[in-house]
Amino acid sequence: MTFKQLEAIYWVARLGGFAQAAARLHTTQSAISKRIQELESLFHTPLFDRTLRTARLTDKGEEMFAVAQRLLGQRDAAVEQFQRPEVIERRLRLGVTELTAMTWLPRLVQRIEAFYPKVVIEPDVDTSVTLRDKLLADELDIVIVPDAFEDPRCEARRVGELEMAWMCKPGMVDTARPLRMHELARYRLLTQSSKSGVGIVVDRWIGAQGMKLPVSVTSNNMLALISMTVSGLGVTYLPWRCLQPMIDSGMLATIKVTPALPVTRYVALYRSDQRSTLVASVTMLAQESCDFTRMFQTEALQPASPDAQPAPAKGRRR
């Protein structure tokens, strides 16, 4: 077998057609067909069901696809390991939540581009659950999400922490005294949905307190929650540090609630069966960049030297 043959079956299966695979591999459709035929001749078995109009794998084709995926991943990891950072040329499919995109994603992108100038970053901003599902479907290489998932198929490395606080429009709630959790039930609650990592963490924590608060409105959109809160449509939990300017200007007010909300840990999540020097380095850069205290952070960076590598950072493996 050759890597060209393995790439052919991998991308035909992934993209759903010979023409699409040819475009992805910058070759002709006839060349892709020839590589597939060579594989089929080598093992004396059809890999695609040619009675259908679409490119559907046979059972043996499914096995070959899994082999191709594994061997191509090992090849890419080996190439990354022995190449200098500044010459690694590949795409990085990076998934982040909306809050990360609003705060420290620009800083992380700057650092990745400084160490890996030839890496093309393909960002995907979505809910935590959707990002996790895309990761498992091999549609993303790494995702930065709240630590809300226990999945043996994934490795999780801690990158930072997020502090949340209950907030409302000034004057809507008496903030002169601390409230008990059950007192929040008097107000319409605006919360993040079950697809949100922060929403999952907070819901679990509330359940652990032996409480179940009524929910009036749920949203996956952080900006929408902030807007609804500023409009006086309800009470919600928000990242208070990056919203401090809105608190200082009188647009939002924090509510002291007992017990206080837990700190939400954020992790870099990637698949256990896919080893990559680039993904490991991006995880370290995320640990250095993670900061939920300010919006849209950037910084002045010097270009990386040829021998530069992200400094090792302590993390957690699960």
Protein backbone atom coordinates (compact mmCIF):
# COMPACT_ATOMS: atom_id res chain seq x y z
CA MET A 1 0.00 0.00 0.00
CA THR A 2 1.05 3.60 -0.57
CA PHE A 3 0.02 6.71 1.28
CA LYS A 4 -1.48 8.06 -1.95
CA GLN A 5 -3.77 5.03 -2.14
CA LEU A 6 -4.73 5.39 1.52
CA GLU A 7 -5.40 9.11 1.05
CA ALA A 8 -7.65 8.30 -1.89
CA ILE A 9 -9.95 5.91 -0.02
CA TYR A 10 -9.90 8.13 3.08
CA TRP A 11 -11.02 11.29 1.29
CA VAL A 12 -13.50 9.58 -1.04
CA ALA A 13 -15.19 8.13 2.04
CA ARG A 14 -14.95 11.36 4.04
CA LEU A 15 -16.17 13.68 1.29
CA GLY A 16 -18.63 11.31 -0.33
CA GLY A 17 -17.33 11.20 -3.87
CA PHE A 18 -14.35 10.72 -6.21
CA ALA A 19 -14.57 14.25 -7.63
CA GLN A 20 -14.53 15.80 -4.16
CA ALA A 21 -11.53 13.69 -3.15
CA ALA A 22 -9.69 14.68 -6.33
CA ALA A 23 -10.25 18.36 -5.56
CA ARG A 24 -9.08 17.89 -1.97
CA LEU A 25 -5.90 16.09 -3.08
CA HIS A 26 -5.24 18.44 -6.03
CA THR A 27 -5.35 15.69 -8.64
CA THR A 28 -7.75 14.26 -11.22
CA GLN A 29 -10.76 12.03 -10.69
CA SER A 30 -9.18 9.36 -12.90
CA ALA A 31 -6.07 9.35 -10.70
CA ILE A 32 -8.23 8.79 -7.61
CA SER A 33 -10.07 5.95 -9.35
CA LYS A 34 -6.78 4.34 -10.34
CA ARG A 35 -5.48 4.43 -6.77
CA ILE A 36 -8.67 2.80 -5.48
CA GLN A 37 -8.48 0.13 -8.19
CA GLU A 38 -4.86 -0.58 -7.23
CA LEU A 39 -5.91 -1.17 -3.63
CA GLU A 40 -8.76 -3.43 -4.71
CA SER A 41 -6.43 -5.44 -6.96
CA LEU A 42 -3.85 -5.71 -4.19
CA PHE A 43 -6.35 -7.31 -1.80
CA HIS A 44 -8.64 -8.93 -4.40
CA THR A 45 -11.76 -7.34 -2.92
CA PRO A 46 -14.04 -4.42 -3.87
CA LEU A 47 -13.83 -1.45 -1.49
CA PHE A 48 -16.79 0.51 -2.89
CA ASP A 49 -20.29 -0.65 -3.86
CA ARG A 50 -20.44 0.30 -7.54
CA THR A 51 -24.12 -0.60 -7.88
CA LEU A 52 -24.98 2.68 -6.17
CA ARG A 53 -24.73 6.21 -7.53
CA THR A 54 -22.95 7.44 -4.42
CA ALA A 55 -19.51 6.35 -3.16
CA ARG A 56 -20.50 3.90 -0.43
CA LEU A 57 -17.93 1.63 1.19
CA THR A 58 -18.33 -2.14 1.32
CA ASP A 59 -17.69 -3.93 4.62
CA LYS A 60 -14.06 -4.48 3.63
CA GLY A 61 -13.95 -0.89 2.48
CA GLU A 62 -14.99 0.23 5.97
CA GLU A 63 -12.12 -1.82 7.40
CA MET A 64 -9.68 -0.28 4.92
CA PHE A 65 -10.98 3.21 5.73
CA ALA A 66 -10.22 2.62 9.43
CA VAL A 67 -6.72 1.39 8.53
CA ALA A 68 -6.15 4.41 6.30
CA GLN A 69 -7.32 6.82 8.98
CA ARG A 70 -4.97 5.28 11.55
CA LEU A 71 -1.90 5.09 9.30
CA LEU A 72 -2.36 8.59 7.87
CA GLY A 73 -2.66 9.95 11.42
CA GLN A 74 0.54 8.17 12.43
CA ARG A 75 2.31 9.53 9.37
CA ASP A 76 1.23 13.10 10.12
CA ALA A 77 2.31 12.75 13.76
CA ALA A 78 5.73 11.44 12.70
CA VAL A 79 6.22 14.28 10.24
CA GLU A 80 5.28 16.86 12.89
CA GLN A 81 7.64 15.30 15.43
CA PHE A 82 10.71 15.67 13.22
CA GLN A 83 9.91 18.95 11.52
CA ARG A 84 10.80 22.36 12.91
CA PRO A 85 7.68 24.25 14.08
CA GLU A 86 7.99 27.01 11.51
CA VAL A 87 7.95 24.59 8.56
CA ILE A 88 4.96 22.44 9.61
CA GLU A 89 2.36 22.97 6.91
CA ARG A 90 -1.12 21.65 7.65
CA ARG A 91 -4.55 22.77 8.77
CA LEU A 92 -5.67 22.97 12.38
CA ARG A 93 -9.40 22.51 12.96
CA LEU A 94 -9.94 24.39 16.21
CA GLY A 95 -13.27 24.45 18.05
CA VAL A 96 -14.07 27.03 20.73
CA THR A 97 -17.13 28.26 22.58
CA GLU A 98 -18.58 31.72 22.09
CA LEU A 99 -17.09 33.05 25.33
CA THR A 100 -13.57 31.97 24.36
CA ALA A 101 -14.07 33.61 20.96
CA MET A 102 -15.13 36.82 22.72
CA THR A 103 -12.15 36.91 25.10
CA TRP A 104 -8.81 35.18 24.50
CA LEU A 105 -9.15 33.49 21.09
CA PRO A 106 -7.30 36.38 19.33
CA ARG A 107 -4.36 35.92 21.72
CA LEU A 108 -4.30 32.15 21.10
CA VAL A 109 -4.42 32.61 17.33
CA GLN A 110 -1.52 35.08 17.54
CA ARG A 111 0.59 32.59 19.46
CA ILE A 112 -0.19 29.69 17.14
CA GLU A 113 0.69 31.79 14.10
CA ALA A 114 3.94 32.94 15.75
CA PHE A 115 5.11 29.35 16.36
CA TYR A 116 3.51 27.76 13.28
CA PRO A 117 3.31 30.39 10.52
CA LYS A 118 2.43 27.82 7.84
CA VAL A 119 -0.42 26.23 9.78
CA VAL A 120 -3.86 27.24 8.50
CA ILE A 121 -6.32 27.66 11.38
CA GLU A 122 -9.90 26.63 10.64
CA PRO A 123 -12.01 27.94 13.55
CA ASP A 124 -15.41 26.62 14.59
CA VAL A 125 -17.44 28.49 17.21
CA ASP A 126 -20.32 26.46 18.62
CA THR A 127 -21.86 25.01 21.78
CA SER A 128 -19.75 22.65 23.90
CA VAL A 129 -21.85 19.56 23.16
CA THR A 130 -21.78 20.20 19.42
CA LEU A 131 -18.02 20.77 19.49
CA ARG A 132 -17.51 17.52 21.41
CA ASP A 133 -19.60 15.63 18.86
CA LYS A 134 -17.65 17.16 15.96
CA LEU A 135 -14.40 16.15 17.63
CA LEU A 136 -15.54 12.55 17.97
CA ALA A 137 -16.68 12.59 14.33
CA ASP A 138 -13.14 13.67 13.32
CA GLU A 139 -14.41 17.02 12.07
CA LEU A 140 -12.20 18.92 14.54
CA ASP A 141 -8.66 18.33 15.85
CA ILE A 142 -9.02 20.02 19.24
CA VAL A 143 -11.76 21.87 21.14
CA ILE A 144 -11.60 24.27 24.09
CA VAL A 145 -14.67 23.68 26.27
CA PRO A 146 -15.81 23.61 29.92
CA ASP A 147 -14.83 20.46 31.78
CA ALA A 148 -18.32 18.93 31.55
CA PHE A 149 -17.62 15.63 29.80
CA GLU A 150 -16.37 12.27 31.01
CA ASP A 151 -15.56 10.31 27.86
CA PRO A 152 -12.88 7.61 27.58
CA ARG A 153 -12.53 8.43 23.87
CA CYS A 154 -11.10 11.85 24.73
CA GLU A 155 -8.09 13.30 26.52
CA ALA A 156 -8.68 16.43 28.59
CA ARG A 157 -5.98 18.93 29.56
CA ARG A 158 -6.83 21.78 31.87
CA VAL A 159 -6.24 25.22 30.35
CA GLY A 160 -7.86 27.68 32.78
CA GLU A 161 -10.81 28.70 34.93
CA LEU A 162 -13.93 30.84 34.56
CA GLU A 163 -15.67 32.69 37.38
CA MET A 164 -19.40 33.24 37.03
CA ALA A 165 -21.77 35.45 39.03
CA TRP A 166 -25.53 35.99 39.14
CA MET A 167 -26.43 39.27 37.44
CA CYS A 168 -29.43 41.44 36.68
CA LYS A 169 -30.40 44.91 35.54
CA PRO A 170 -29.63 47.43 38.35
CA GLY A 171 -32.67 47.93 40.57
CA MET A 172 -34.38 44.70 39.56
CA VAL A 173 -33.14 42.78 42.62
CA ASP A 174 -32.25 44.02 46.09
CA THR A 175 -28.48 43.56 46.02
CA ALA A 176 -27.90 45.10 49.45
CA ARG A 177 -28.06 41.69 51.12
CA PRO A 178 -27.03 38.19 50.07
CA LEU A 179 -29.81 35.99 48.68
CA ARG A 180 -30.32 32.30 49.28
CA MET A 181 -30.55 30.10 46.20
CA HIS A 182 -34.30 29.46 46.64
CA GLU A 183 -34.97 33.23 46.57
CA LEU A 184 -33.88 33.35 42.91
CA ALA A 185 -37.08 31.44 42.11
CA ARG A 186 -38.98 34.72 42.52
CA TYR A 187 -37.46 36.02 39.31
CA ARG A 188 -37.50 34.92 35.69
CA LEU A 189 -34.29 32.95 35.13
CA LEU A 190 -32.30 33.22 31.91
CA THR A 191 -29.99 30.23 31.57
CA GLN A 192 -27.77 28.44 29.11
CA SER A 193 -29.17 25.30 27.51
CA SER A 194 -28.16 21.67 27.97
CA LYS A 195 -25.86 22.02 24.93
CA SER A 196 -23.73 24.54 26.82
CA GLY A 197 -20.79 23.26 28.85
CA VAL A 198 -21.23 26.00 31.44
CA GLY A 199 -24.96 25.25 31.50
CA ILE A 200 -24.23 21.57 32.19
CA VAL A 201 -21.77 22.42 34.98
CA VAL A 202 -24.14 24.89 36.67
CA ASP A 203 -27.17 22.58 36.35
CA ARG A 204 -25.23 19.72 37.95
CA TRP A 205 -24.08 22.00 40.76
CA ILE A 206 -27.61 23.27 41.44
CA GLY A 207 -28.84 19.68 41.52
CA ALA A 208 -26.06 18.79 43.98
CA GLN A 209 -27.44 21.52 46.28
CA GLY A 210 -30.72 19.62 46.34
CA MET A 211 -32.51 22.36 44.43
CA LYS A 212 -34.35 22.75 41.14
CA LEU A 213 -34.87 26.33 40.04
CA PRO A 214 -37.63 27.15 37.54
CA VAL A 215 -36.26 28.21 34.17
CA SER A 216 -38.15 30.68 32.01
CA VAL A 217 -35.79 31.28 29.07
CA THR A 218 -32.80 29.32 27.75
CA SER A 219 -30.33 30.43 25.11
CA ASN A 220 -27.10 29.17 23.55
CA ASN A 221 -26.06 32.71 22.68
CA MET A 222 -23.95 34.55 25.27
CA LEU A 223 -24.52 37.96 23.68
CA ALA A 224 -28.27 37.34 23.70
CA LEU A 225 -28.19 36.45 27.41
CA ILE A 226 -26.22 39.61 28.19
CA SER A 227 -28.65 41.71 26.13
CA MET A 228 -31.72 40.19 27.79
CA THR A 229 -30.21 40.76 31.23
CA VAL A 230 -29.35 44.38 30.45
CA SER A 231 -32.94 44.80 29.21
CA GLY A 232 -34.31 43.63 32.56
CA LEU A 233 -35.90 40.47 31.19
CA GLY A 234 -34.54 38.27 33.95
CA VAL A 235 -31.70 37.08 36.16
CA THR A 236 -28.82 34.96 34.85
CA TYR A 237 -25.25 33.84 35.54
CA LEU A 238 -22.53 35.53 33.49
CA PRO A 239 -18.70 35.79 33.44
CA TRP A 240 -18.37 38.83 35.67
CA ARG A 241 -14.70 39.69 35.17
CA CYS A 242 -14.88 40.37 31.43
CA LEU A 243 -18.17 42.23 31.99
CA GLN A 244 -16.72 44.48 34.69
CA PRO A 245 -16.89 47.58 32.40
CA MET A 246 -20.67 47.04 32.05
CA ILE A 247 -20.97 46.64 35.83
CA ASP A 248 -18.95 49.82 36.41
CA SER A 249 -21.09 51.75 33.92
CA GLY A 250 -24.34 50.72 35.63
CA MET A 251 -25.62 48.46 32.85
CA LEU A 252 -25.38 45.31 34.98
CA ALA A 253 -25.44 44.55 38.69
CA THR A 254 -24.04 41.49 40.46
CA ILE A 255 -26.16 39.59 42.97
CA LYS A 256 -24.60 37.98 46.03
CA VAL A 257 -26.09 34.50 46.30
CA THR A 258 -25.32 31.87 48.93
CA PRO A 259 -23.80 29.45 48.15
CA ALA A 260 -21.72 31.05 45.40
CA LEU A 261 -21.50 29.56 41.93
CA PRO A 262 -18.62 27.11 41.39
CA VAL A 263 -15.57 27.93 39.30
CA THR A 264 -15.87 26.37 35.84
CA ARG A 265 -12.72 24.66 34.63
CA TYR A 266 -11.94 24.83 30.91
CA VAL A 267 -10.06 22.05 29.14
CA ALA A 268 -8.49 21.31 25.79
CA LEU A 269 -10.21 18.18 24.51
CA TYR A 270 -8.83 15.93 21.78
CA ARG A 271 -9.33 12.32 20.73
CA SER A 272 -7.35 9.67 22.61
CA ASP A 273 -6.62 7.72 19.44
CA GLN A 274 -5.06 10.65 17.58
CA ARG A 275 -1.60 11.75 18.70
CA SER A 276 -0.26 15.00 17.31
CA THR A 277 2.70 17.14 18.26
CA LEU A 278 0.87 20.17 16.89
CA VAL A 279 -2.23 19.53 19.00
CA ALA A 280 -0.06 19.02 22.10
CA SER A 281 1.71 22.33 21.43
CA VAL A 282 -1.58 24.15 20.80
CA THR A 283 -2.81 22.81 24.16
CA MET A 284 0.23 24.37 25.87
CA LEU A 285 -0.35 27.65 24.03
CA ALA A 286 -3.99 27.58 25.18
CA GLN A 287 -2.83 27.14 28.77
CA GLU A 288 -0.63 30.22 28.38
CA SER A 289 -3.35 32.26 26.63
CA CYS A 290 -6.48 31.41 28.65
CA ASP A 291 -7.84 34.56 30.28
CA PHE A 292 -11.55 35.28 30.70
CA THR A 293 -11.05 38.68 32.34
CA ARG A 294 -11.06 40.91 29.24
CA MET A 295 -12.76 41.03 25.85
CA PHE A 296 -10.90 40.45 22.56
CA GLN A 297 -7.38 40.23 23.89
CA THR A 298 -4.29 40.60 21.72
CA GLU A 299 -0.65 41.18 22.49
CA ALA A 300 2.62 42.06 20.78
CA LEU A 301 4.55 38.87 19.99
CA GLN A 302 8.01 38.34 18.57
CA PRO A 303 8.35 35.79 15.76
CA ALA A 304 9.46 32.40 17.05
CA SER A 305 13.05 31.36 16.50
CA PRO A 306 13.68 28.17 14.49
CA ASP A 307 14.33 26.16 17.67
CA ALA A 308 11.49 27.67 19.70
CA GLN A 309 8.86 25.45 21.28
CA PRO A 310 5.94 26.31 23.56
CA ALA A 311 7.08 26.07 27.17
CA PRO A 312 5.87 22.88 28.91
CA ALA A 313 2.88 23.52 31.14
CA LYS A 314 1.34 21.39 33.83
CA GLY A 315 -1.87 19.73 32.76
CA ARG A 316 -4.10 16.86 33.59
CA ARG A 317 -4.70 13.67 31.70
CA ARG A 318 -7.91 11.79 32.01
